[in-house]
Amino acid sequence: MGKIRTMAMNIAKKSKVFRNMARHCMYLLKRTKYVITGLNKKIDDKTILFSGFNGKSYTCSPKAIYEYMLSDEKYKDYKFIWFFNNVKDYEFLNNNKNTKVVQNKGKEYTRYLQTAKYWFFNFKIADYIKPKKEQVFTQCWHGTPLKRLGYDLVHYDNTLNTAKEMKKRYKVETEKISYFLSPSKYASDVFKSGWNMKELGKEDIILEKGYPRNDFLFNYTQEDVVNIKKRILGDNIQDKKIILYAPTYRANQHESGVGYVYKEEVDFEKMQKKLGDKYIILFRPHYFVASVFNFDKYKGFVYNASDIDDINELYIISDILITDYSSVFFDYANLKRPMIFYMYDLEYYRDKSNGFYFDVETNLPGKIVRTDDELIDEIIRITKEFKYDEKYKKFNEKFNYLDDGKASKRVVEAIIKEN
């Protein structure tokens, strides 16, 4: 079966006609089955679905919204359903009141999709899954965009989708959505444009209340910091500064016929020699990249943070963030801590890849560096000299002004209607 799938994928990459025919047939089969099995199934007004990154993790705004509802007696009669790929890893959630963990894409998954009143997801769902008129699908998304997306992409290079095919998928998704969460006017404008909401008459789906996913950054305790450090790093790092390195995923990290590869753009060996006595690095690459990276080579200095579900845990224990084009810096800015932008391929990423929604060289709340030596020097400098300056303050005033630890409450009160 695996060989047949691989052969089909290879043909699909080369033949647009074959790809479209195969997709259309698969869509019709799945859609027909979904509709037929959902006939005569009543909507339960007090059942709510949650999923993060299509069942991969317990995180982001779905997690924040769920935990808020758990804490409020107003929602004590609601039933909460979580979808996960690996159910065993999340069975602990079954101990929470009115909560059930369900296998992603199984029979129960389909039944709950067909009957639950409310859906809270942070990813684009499969084309064949469409909410009924009585159902409410909230697209939580997973961050404030720097990189252009959807209809706004200038360059689009994907062997399995043309730009036209990609835009069609965004259109299909937009038409399903009841609410689209936004943390700011900037993000609202980007989402409206990237999802082509105006043309589709869907501009009113934007719910601009702040990001529930960032509530934890305002509500965590020092006890949380201590416990998370101990769980992730052990007991022997209390005196060292913690650097979170969270680069964006790059399409060129996958080679056809080879799989996922990683070229070390950061010279970890040089960094370990110069910084190892006073710093450690939490490295959070794409999980496919993490599977081929040799962490043992830098044991005690570089830690694998790719398998931590909730990046908020990494934010609150880190002293410095190093990133590039990932949207993590928008969220991290709420902590008012130092950030460094390691953009060794800035011209390529800006001019030939995704492109950006604003000029990074004038708007980012941290220095852009291009080389390992610049990066090391900036880490040392910023540790001693960092100030939450006017530029940083203006950044938060533009992108994070609604984040205050209460976004989940505002979102839930706007969406969950008592009968």
Protein backbone atom coordinates (compact mmCIF):
# COMPACT_ATOMS: atom_id res chain seq x y z
CA MET A 1 0.00 0.00 0.00
CA GLY A 2 2.89 2.33 0.82
CA LYS A 3 4.49 1.74 -2.59
CA ILE A 4 1.22 2.45 -4.39
CA ARG A 5 0.81 5.69 -2.42
CA THR A 6 4.37 6.76 -3.23
CA MET A 7 3.83 6.02 -6.94
CA ALA A 8 0.60 8.01 -6.93
CA MET A 9 2.29 10.95 -5.22
CA ASN A 10 5.10 10.96 -7.78
CA ILE A 11 2.60 10.95 -10.65
CA ALA A 12 0.59 13.72 -8.96
CA LYS A 13 3.71 15.91 -8.72
CA LYS A 14 4.25 15.61 -12.48
CA SER A 15 0.68 15.60 -13.77
CA LYS A 16 -1.77 18.34 -12.84
CA VAL A 17 -4.60 16.51 -14.66
CA PHE A 18 -4.01 13.27 -12.72
CA ARG A 19 -3.69 15.20 -9.46
CA ASN A 20 -6.97 17.06 -9.94
CA MET A 21 -8.86 13.92 -11.01
CA ALA A 22 -7.55 11.93 -8.06
CA ARG A 23 -8.35 14.71 -5.60
CA HIS A 24 -11.83 15.22 -7.00
CA CYS A 25 -12.65 11.50 -6.80
CA MET A 26 -11.31 11.27 -3.26
CA TYR A 27 -13.25 14.39 -2.26
CA LEU A 28 -16.52 13.02 -3.67
CA LEU A 29 -16.08 9.69 -1.89
CA LYS A 30 -15.25 11.25 1.46
CA ARG A 31 -17.81 14.03 1.21
CA THR A 32 -20.62 11.65 0.23
CA LYS A 33 -19.81 9.30 3.09
CA TYR A 34 -19.59 12.21 5.54
CA VAL A 35 -22.98 13.63 4.49
CA ILE A 36 -24.80 10.28 4.42
CA THR A 37 -23.52 9.14 7.83
CA GLY A 38 -24.45 12.53 9.27
CA LEU A 39 -28.07 12.45 8.16
CA ASN A 40 -30.64 12.55 10.95
CA LYS A 41 -27.97 13.16 13.59
CA LYS A 42 -29.07 15.95 15.90
CA ILE A 43 -26.76 18.77 16.96
CA ASP A 44 -25.87 18.76 20.66
CA ASP A 45 -25.81 22.41 21.75
CA LYS A 46 -23.56 21.62 24.71
CA THR A 47 -20.81 19.61 23.05
CA ILE A 48 -17.60 21.40 22.07
CA LEU A 49 -14.72 20.08 19.94
CA PHE A 50 -11.07 21.07 20.31
CA SER A 51 -8.02 20.24 18.22
CA GLY A 52 -4.52 21.68 17.95
CA PHE A 53 -2.55 21.33 14.73
CA ASN A 54 -4.84 18.57 13.45
CA GLY A 55 -4.43 16.32 16.47
CA LYS A 56 -0.70 16.71 16.95
CA SER A 57 -0.65 18.56 20.27
CA TYR A 58 -2.40 20.04 23.29
CA THR A 59 -1.65 23.70 22.79
CA CYS A 60 -2.50 27.11 21.37
CA SER A 61 -5.86 28.89 21.59
CA PRO A 62 -7.97 25.69 21.66
CA LYS A 63 -6.12 24.71 24.87
CA ALA A 64 -6.53 28.19 26.40
CA ILE A 65 -10.24 28.34 25.58
CA TYR A 66 -10.83 24.81 26.92
CA GLU A 67 -9.00 25.51 30.20
CA TYR A 68 -10.90 28.75 30.68
CA MET A 69 -14.24 26.97 30.20
CA LEU A 70 -13.17 24.26 32.65
CA SER A 71 -12.53 26.93 35.27
CA ASP A 72 -15.89 28.70 34.88
CA GLU A 73 -18.97 27.21 36.53
CA LYS A 74 -21.07 28.72 33.75
CA TYR A 75 -19.93 25.91 31.48
CA LYS A 76 -20.18 23.01 33.93
CA ASP A 77 -22.88 21.31 31.82
CA TYR A 78 -20.86 21.32 28.59
CA LYS A 79 -19.08 18.27 27.20
CA PHE A 80 -15.54 18.79 25.91
CA ILE A 81 -14.07 16.58 23.18
CA TRP A 82 -10.38 16.62 22.20
CA PHE A 83 -9.05 15.02 19.00
CA PHE A 84 -5.49 13.59 19.06
CA ASN A 85 -3.41 11.42 16.75
CA ASN A 86 -1.78 9.66 19.68
CA VAL A 87 -4.56 9.27 22.22
CA LYS A 88 -2.40 7.52 24.83
CA ASP A 89 -0.26 10.63 25.33
CA TYR A 90 -3.29 12.69 26.31
CA GLU A 91 -5.38 10.30 28.37
CA PHE A 92 -4.69 12.51 31.40
CA LEU A 93 -7.29 14.92 30.01
CA ASN A 94 -9.97 12.29 30.62
CA ASN A 95 -9.54 13.05 34.32
CA ASN A 96 -10.89 16.56 33.78
CA LYS A 97 -14.60 17.06 34.23
CA ASN A 98 -16.82 16.42 31.20
CA THR A 99 -13.76 15.76 29.00
CA LYS A 100 -13.20 12.97 26.52
CA VAL A 101 -10.14 12.25 24.37
CA VAL A 102 -10.95 10.80 20.94
CA GLN A 103 -8.80 9.29 18.20
CA ASN A 104 -8.27 11.78 15.39
CA LYS A 105 -9.93 10.71 12.12
CA GLY A 106 -11.62 7.66 13.63
CA LYS A 107 -15.35 6.80 13.69
CA GLU A 108 -15.99 8.70 16.91
CA TYR A 109 -14.18 11.69 15.45
CA THR A 110 -16.61 11.78 12.52
CA ARG A 111 -19.64 11.32 14.76
CA TYR A 112 -18.65 14.22 17.00
CA LEU A 113 -17.93 16.44 14.01
CA GLN A 114 -21.44 15.73 12.79
CA THR A 115 -23.16 16.42 16.11
CA ALA A 116 -21.15 18.95 18.18
CA LYS A 117 -22.42 22.53 18.18
CA TYR A 118 -19.02 24.25 18.53
CA TRP A 119 -15.61 23.59 16.95
CA PHE A 120 -12.37 25.27 18.04
CA PHE A 121 -9.48 24.40 15.68
CA ASN A 122 -6.25 26.25 14.80
CA PHE A 123 -5.58 24.75 11.35
CA LYS A 124 -7.25 24.40 7.95
CA ILE A 125 -9.56 21.38 8.09
CA ALA A 126 -10.08 18.82 5.33
CA ASP A 127 -12.13 20.06 2.37
CA TYR A 128 -14.80 17.37 2.70
CA ILE A 129 -15.60 18.33 6.32
CA LYS A 130 -18.15 21.13 6.40
CA PRO A 131 -20.17 22.33 9.40
CA LYS A 132 -23.95 22.22 9.21
CA LYS A 133 -25.85 25.50 9.37
CA GLU A 134 -26.48 25.10 13.11
CA GLN A 135 -22.81 24.43 13.88
CA VAL A 136 -20.24 27.08 14.81
CA PHE A 137 -16.67 26.67 13.52
CA THR A 138 -14.13 29.01 15.11
CA GLN A 139 -10.82 29.22 13.24
CA CYS A 140 -8.33 30.05 16.02
CA TRP A 141 -5.31 30.04 13.66
CA HIS A 142 -1.83 29.80 15.17
CA GLY A 143 -0.16 33.16 15.19
CA THR A 144 0.15 36.70 13.89
CA PRO A 145 1.50 36.50 10.32
CA LEU A 146 4.76 38.08 9.19
CA LYS A 147 5.04 35.91 6.08
CA ARG A 148 2.48 36.38 3.35
CA LEU A 149 -0.14 33.67 3.11
CA GLY A 150 -2.98 32.47 0.94
CA TYR A 151 -4.17 34.99 -1.64
CA ASP A 152 -1.36 37.40 -0.72
CA LEU A 153 1.50 35.14 -1.76
CA VAL A 154 3.65 36.67 -4.50
CA HIS A 155 5.83 33.60 -5.03
CA TYR A 156 4.35 30.13 -4.74
CA ASP A 157 6.47 27.06 -5.42
CA ASN A 158 4.92 23.77 -4.46
CA THR A 159 5.12 20.52 -6.41
CA LEU A 160 1.72 19.33 -5.19
CA ASN A 161 -0.26 22.56 -5.57
CA THR A 162 -0.36 25.39 -8.07
CA ALA A 163 -1.18 28.90 -6.85
CA LYS A 164 -4.69 28.45 -8.26
CA GLU A 165 -5.17 25.17 -6.40
CA MET A 166 -3.88 26.70 -3.18
CA LYS A 167 -6.28 29.65 -3.44
CA LYS A 168 -9.17 27.28 -4.05
CA ARG A 169 -8.40 25.53 -0.75
CA TYR A 170 -8.35 28.85 1.09
CA LYS A 171 -11.71 29.73 -0.48
CA VAL A 172 -13.24 26.42 0.60
CA GLU A 173 -11.93 26.97 4.14
CA THR A 174 -13.12 30.56 4.41
CA GLU A 175 -16.65 29.64 3.40
CA LYS A 176 -16.89 27.23 6.36
CA ILE A 177 -15.78 29.59 9.11
CA SER A 178 -18.19 31.20 11.59
CA TYR A 179 -15.53 33.14 13.54
CA PHE A 180 -11.87 33.86 12.81
CA LEU A 181 -9.87 34.92 15.89
CA SER A 182 -7.62 37.96 15.65
CA PRO A 183 -5.29 39.65 18.18
CA SER A 184 -5.13 43.07 16.51
CA LYS A 185 -6.32 45.30 13.68
CA TYR A 186 -3.09 44.49 11.83
CA ALA A 187 -3.82 40.75 12.01
CA SER A 188 -7.47 41.29 11.07
CA ASP A 189 -6.46 43.14 7.90
CA VAL A 190 -3.96 40.41 7.00
CA PHE A 191 -6.48 37.61 7.56
CA LYS A 192 -9.14 39.40 5.53
CA SER A 193 -6.69 39.78 2.67
CA GLY A 194 -4.97 36.38 2.86
CA TRP A 195 -8.27 34.50 3.05
CA ASN A 196 -9.96 36.78 0.48
CA MET A 197 -12.79 37.46 2.93
CA LYS A 198 -14.04 40.66 1.30
CA GLU A 199 -14.61 39.02 -2.09
CA LEU A 200 -16.41 36.13 -0.38
CA GLY A 201 -18.56 38.41 1.76
CA LYS A 202 -17.04 37.02 4.96
CA GLU A 203 -15.34 40.05 6.52
CA ASP A 204 -17.71 39.91 9.48
CA ILE A 205 -16.31 36.57 10.70
CA ILE A 206 -13.29 38.31 12.23
CA LEU A 207 -13.43 38.30 16.04
CA GLU A 208 -10.83 40.80 17.26
CA LYS A 209 -10.53 40.06 20.98
CA GLY A 210 -6.84 39.19 21.55
CA TYR A 211 -5.21 35.77 21.35
CA PRO A 212 -6.38 33.22 23.94
CA ARG A 213 -3.07 31.38 23.34
CA ASN A 214 -1.25 34.30 24.98
CA ASP A 215 -3.30 34.41 28.19
CA PHE A 216 -0.77 32.17 29.92
CA LEU A 217 1.98 34.72 29.32
CA PHE A 218 0.12 37.08 31.66
CA ASN A 219 -1.16 34.55 34.18
CA TYR A 220 1.78 32.18 34.82
CA THR A 221 3.43 32.00 38.23
CA GLN A 222 7.03 31.65 39.39
CA GLU A 223 6.10 28.15 40.49
CA ASP A 224 5.21 27.37 36.87
CA VAL A 225 8.67 28.55 35.80
CA VAL A 226 10.45 26.39 38.39
CA ASN A 227 8.40 23.29 37.60
CA ILE A 228 8.78 23.61 33.82
CA LYS A 229 12.54 24.16 34.08
CA LYS A 230 12.90 21.09 36.24
CA ARG A 231 10.77 18.94 33.93
CA ILE A 232 12.53 19.99 30.73
CA LEU A 233 16.09 20.67 31.88
CA GLY A 234 16.64 18.94 35.23
CA ASP A 235 18.33 20.46 38.27
CA ASN A 236 21.74 21.56 37.06
CA ILE A 237 21.11 24.68 34.98
CA GLN A 238 19.80 27.22 37.49
CA ASP A 239 22.69 29.68 37.01
CA LYS A 240 22.76 29.63 33.21
CA LYS A 241 20.88 31.91 30.84
CA ILE A 242 18.37 30.08 28.68
CA ILE A 243 18.15 30.88 24.96
CA LEU A 244 15.13 29.70 22.99
CA TYR A 245 16.09 29.18 19.33
CA ALA A 246 12.92 28.78 17.26
CA PRO A 247 13.52 29.16 13.51
CA THR A 248 10.79 28.90 10.91
CA TYR A 249 10.40 25.71 8.88
CA ARG A 250 11.96 25.96 5.43
CA ALA A 251 10.66 24.03 2.43
CA ASN A 252 14.25 23.33 1.33
CA GLN A 253 14.73 21.20 4.45
CA HIS A 254 13.03 18.37 2.54
CA GLU A 255 14.71 16.69 -0.42
CA SER A 256 12.80 14.45 -2.81
CA GLY A 257 13.88 10.84 -2.42
CA VAL A 258 15.91 11.67 0.68
CA GLY A 259 13.44 13.09 3.19
CA TYR A 260 14.03 15.72 5.83
CA VAL A 261 17.52 17.10 6.11
CA TYR A 262 19.03 19.89 8.18
CA LYS A 263 22.01 22.00 7.32
CA GLU A 264 23.29 23.65 10.48
CA GLU A 265 22.93 27.31 9.63
CA VAL A 266 23.94 28.09 13.21
CA ASP A 267 27.42 26.97 14.21
CA PHE A 268 26.44 25.29 17.47
CA GLU A 269 29.99 24.07 17.99
CA LYS A 270 31.36 27.62 17.94
CA MET A 271 28.53 28.80 20.16
CA GLN A 272 29.19 26.03 22.67
CA LYS A 273 32.88 26.98 22.91
CA LYS A 274 32.12 30.68 23.46
CA LEU A 275 28.86 30.52 25.40
CA GLY A 276 28.62 27.05 26.93
CA ASP A 277 29.75 28.14 30.42
CA LYS A 278 26.95 30.68 30.84
CA TYR A 279 24.16 29.70 28.44
CA ILE A 280 22.10 26.76 27.22
CA ILE A 281 19.96 26.57 24.09
CA LEU A 282 16.45 25.20 23.75
CA PHE A 283 16.33 24.32 20.06
CA ARG A 284 12.82 24.07 18.61
CA PRO A 285 12.98 23.09 14.94
CA HIS A 286 10.20 21.45 12.95
CA TYR A 287 9.72 17.98 14.45
CA PHE A 288 10.81 16.30 11.19
CA VAL A 289 14.06 18.26 11.31
CA ALA A 290 14.53 17.36 14.97
CA SER A 291 14.43 13.68 14.02
CA VAL A 292 17.60 14.04 11.92
CA PHE A 293 19.49 16.54 14.09
CA ASN A 294 22.32 15.16 16.26
CA PHE A 295 21.52 16.54 19.71
CA ASP A 296 24.02 14.18 21.35
CA LYS A 297 26.81 16.12 19.68
CA TYR A 298 25.98 19.15 21.84
CA LYS A 299 24.81 17.36 24.98
CA GLY A 300 24.40 19.70 27.94
CA PHE A 301 24.29 22.78 25.71
CA VAL A 302 21.60 22.23 23.05
CA TYR A 303 18.34 20.67 24.24
CA ASN A 304 15.63 19.24 21.99
CA ALA A 305 12.51 21.36 22.52
CA SER A 306 10.62 20.15 19.45
CA ASP A 307 8.49 17.70 21.42
CA ILE A 308 7.15 20.25 23.92
CA ASP A 309 3.48 20.69 23.02
CA ASP A 310 2.97 24.19 24.32
CA ILE A 311 5.63 26.69 23.29
CA ASN A 312 4.38 29.01 26.04
CA GLU A 313 6.27 26.80 28.48
CA LEU A 314 9.48 27.53 26.59
CA TYR A 315 8.73 31.25 26.42
CA ILE A 316 8.38 31.74 30.17
CA ILE A 317 11.59 29.86 31.09
CA SER A 318 13.78 31.52 28.45
CA ASP A 319 15.80 34.71 28.88
CA ILE A 320 16.37 35.41 25.17
CA LEU A 321 14.57 34.43 21.97
CA ILE A 322 16.44 33.83 18.72
CA THR A 323 14.24 33.42 15.67
CA ASP A 324 14.02 34.51 12.04
CA TYR A 325 10.68 34.66 10.22
CA SER A 326 8.59 32.56 12.59
CA SER A 327 5.60 34.31 14.14
CA VAL A 328 6.81 33.30 17.62
CA PHE A 329 8.30 36.75 18.15
CA PHE A 330 4.86 38.40 18.16
CA ASP A 331 3.78 36.28 21.12
CA TYR A 332 7.13 36.43 22.92
CA ALA A 333 7.06 40.24 22.78
CA ASN A 334 4.34 40.15 25.43
CA LEU A 335 7.06 39.16 27.92
CA LYS A 336 9.13 42.27 27.05
CA ARG A 337 12.31 40.18 26.95
CA PRO A 338 15.24 40.43 24.50
CA MET A 339 14.98 39.02 20.97
CA ILE A 340 17.54 38.51 18.22
CA PHE A 341 16.66 37.89 14.58
CA TYR A 342 19.11 35.57 12.83
CA MET A 343 18.24 36.23 9.17
CA TYR A 344 21.16 34.83 7.20
CA ASP A 345 18.92 34.41 4.12
CA LEU A 346 16.86 37.59 4.41
CA GLU A 347 17.01 38.64 0.74
CA TYR A 348 15.98 35.20 -0.48
CA TYR A 349 13.14 34.84 2.00
CA ARG A 350 11.85 38.36 1.39
CA ASP A 351 12.24 38.54 -2.40
CA LYS A 352 12.01 34.97 -3.70
CA SER A 353 10.11 32.98 -1.10
CA ASN A 354 7.01 33.94 0.91
CA GLY A 355 7.61 37.67 1.25
CA PHE A 356 6.56 39.77 4.26
CA TYR A 357 3.65 41.98 5.26
CA PHE A 358 5.95 44.72 6.58
CA ASP A 359 9.55 45.87 6.46
CA VAL A 360 11.42 43.78 9.03
CA GLU A 361 14.52 45.97 9.04
CA THR A 362 12.65 48.94 10.48
CA ASN A 363 9.90 47.33 12.56
CA LEU A 364 11.33 44.40 14.53
CA PRO A 365 11.92 44.87 18.29
CA GLY A 366 15.44 43.43 18.14
CA LYS A 367 18.59 43.39 16.06
CA ILE A 368 18.90 41.49 12.76
CA VAL A 369 22.18 39.55 12.50
CA ARG A 370 23.55 37.65 9.50
CA THR A 371 26.55 35.62 10.75
CA ASP A 372 27.44 33.36 13.66
CA ASP A 373 29.94 35.87 15.01
CA GLU A 374 27.34 38.65 14.95
CA LEU A 375 24.89 36.34 16.68
CA ILE A 376 27.30 35.44 19.48
CA ASP A 377 28.29 39.07 19.99
CA GLU A 378 24.65 40.16 20.16
CA ILE A 379 23.79 37.44 22.71
CA ILE A 380 26.57 38.69 24.98
CA ARG A 381 25.69 42.36 24.44
CA ILE A 382 21.96 42.00 24.90
CA THR A 383 22.40 40.01 28.11
CA LYS A 384 24.14 43.02 29.65
CA GLU A 385 22.46 45.97 27.95
CA PHE A 386 18.87 45.07 27.07
CA LYS A 387 16.22 47.74 27.59
CA TYR A 388 12.52 47.67 26.82
CA ASP A 389 12.85 50.73 24.61
CA GLU A 390 10.39 52.91 22.72
CA LYS A 391 10.64 50.84 19.53
CA TYR A 392 9.79 47.66 21.41
CA LYS A 393 6.93 49.43 23.20
CA LYS A 394 5.48 50.66 19.90
CA PHE A 395 5.72 47.13 18.50
CA ASN A 396 3.53 45.80 21.32
CA GLU A 397 1.14 48.72 20.99
CA LYS A 398 0.57 47.79 17.35
CA PHE A 399 0.50 43.99 17.49
CA ASN A 400 -0.31 42.92 21.07
CA TYR A 401 -2.46 45.67 22.58
CA LEU A 402 -5.40 43.31 23.14
CA ASP A 403 -3.39 40.61 24.91
CA ASP A 404 -3.96 40.94 28.65
CA GLY A 405 -4.61 37.45 30.02
CA LYS A 406 -8.37 37.63 29.48
CA ALA A 407 -8.77 36.96 25.76
CA SER A 408 -10.20 33.46 26.31
CA LYS A 409 -13.02 34.89 28.41
CA ARG A 410 -13.87 37.53 25.80
CA VAL A 411 -13.81 35.00 22.96
CA VAL A 412 -15.94 32.43 24.74
CA GLU A 413 -18.53 34.98 25.82
CA ALA A 414 -18.80 36.22 22.23
CA ILE A 415 -19.23 32.75 20.71
CA ILE A 416 -20.94 30.44 23.19
CA LYS A 417 -24.57 31.44 23.24
CA GLU A 418 -26.74 30.18 26.09
CA ASN A 419 -29.98 28.61 24.95
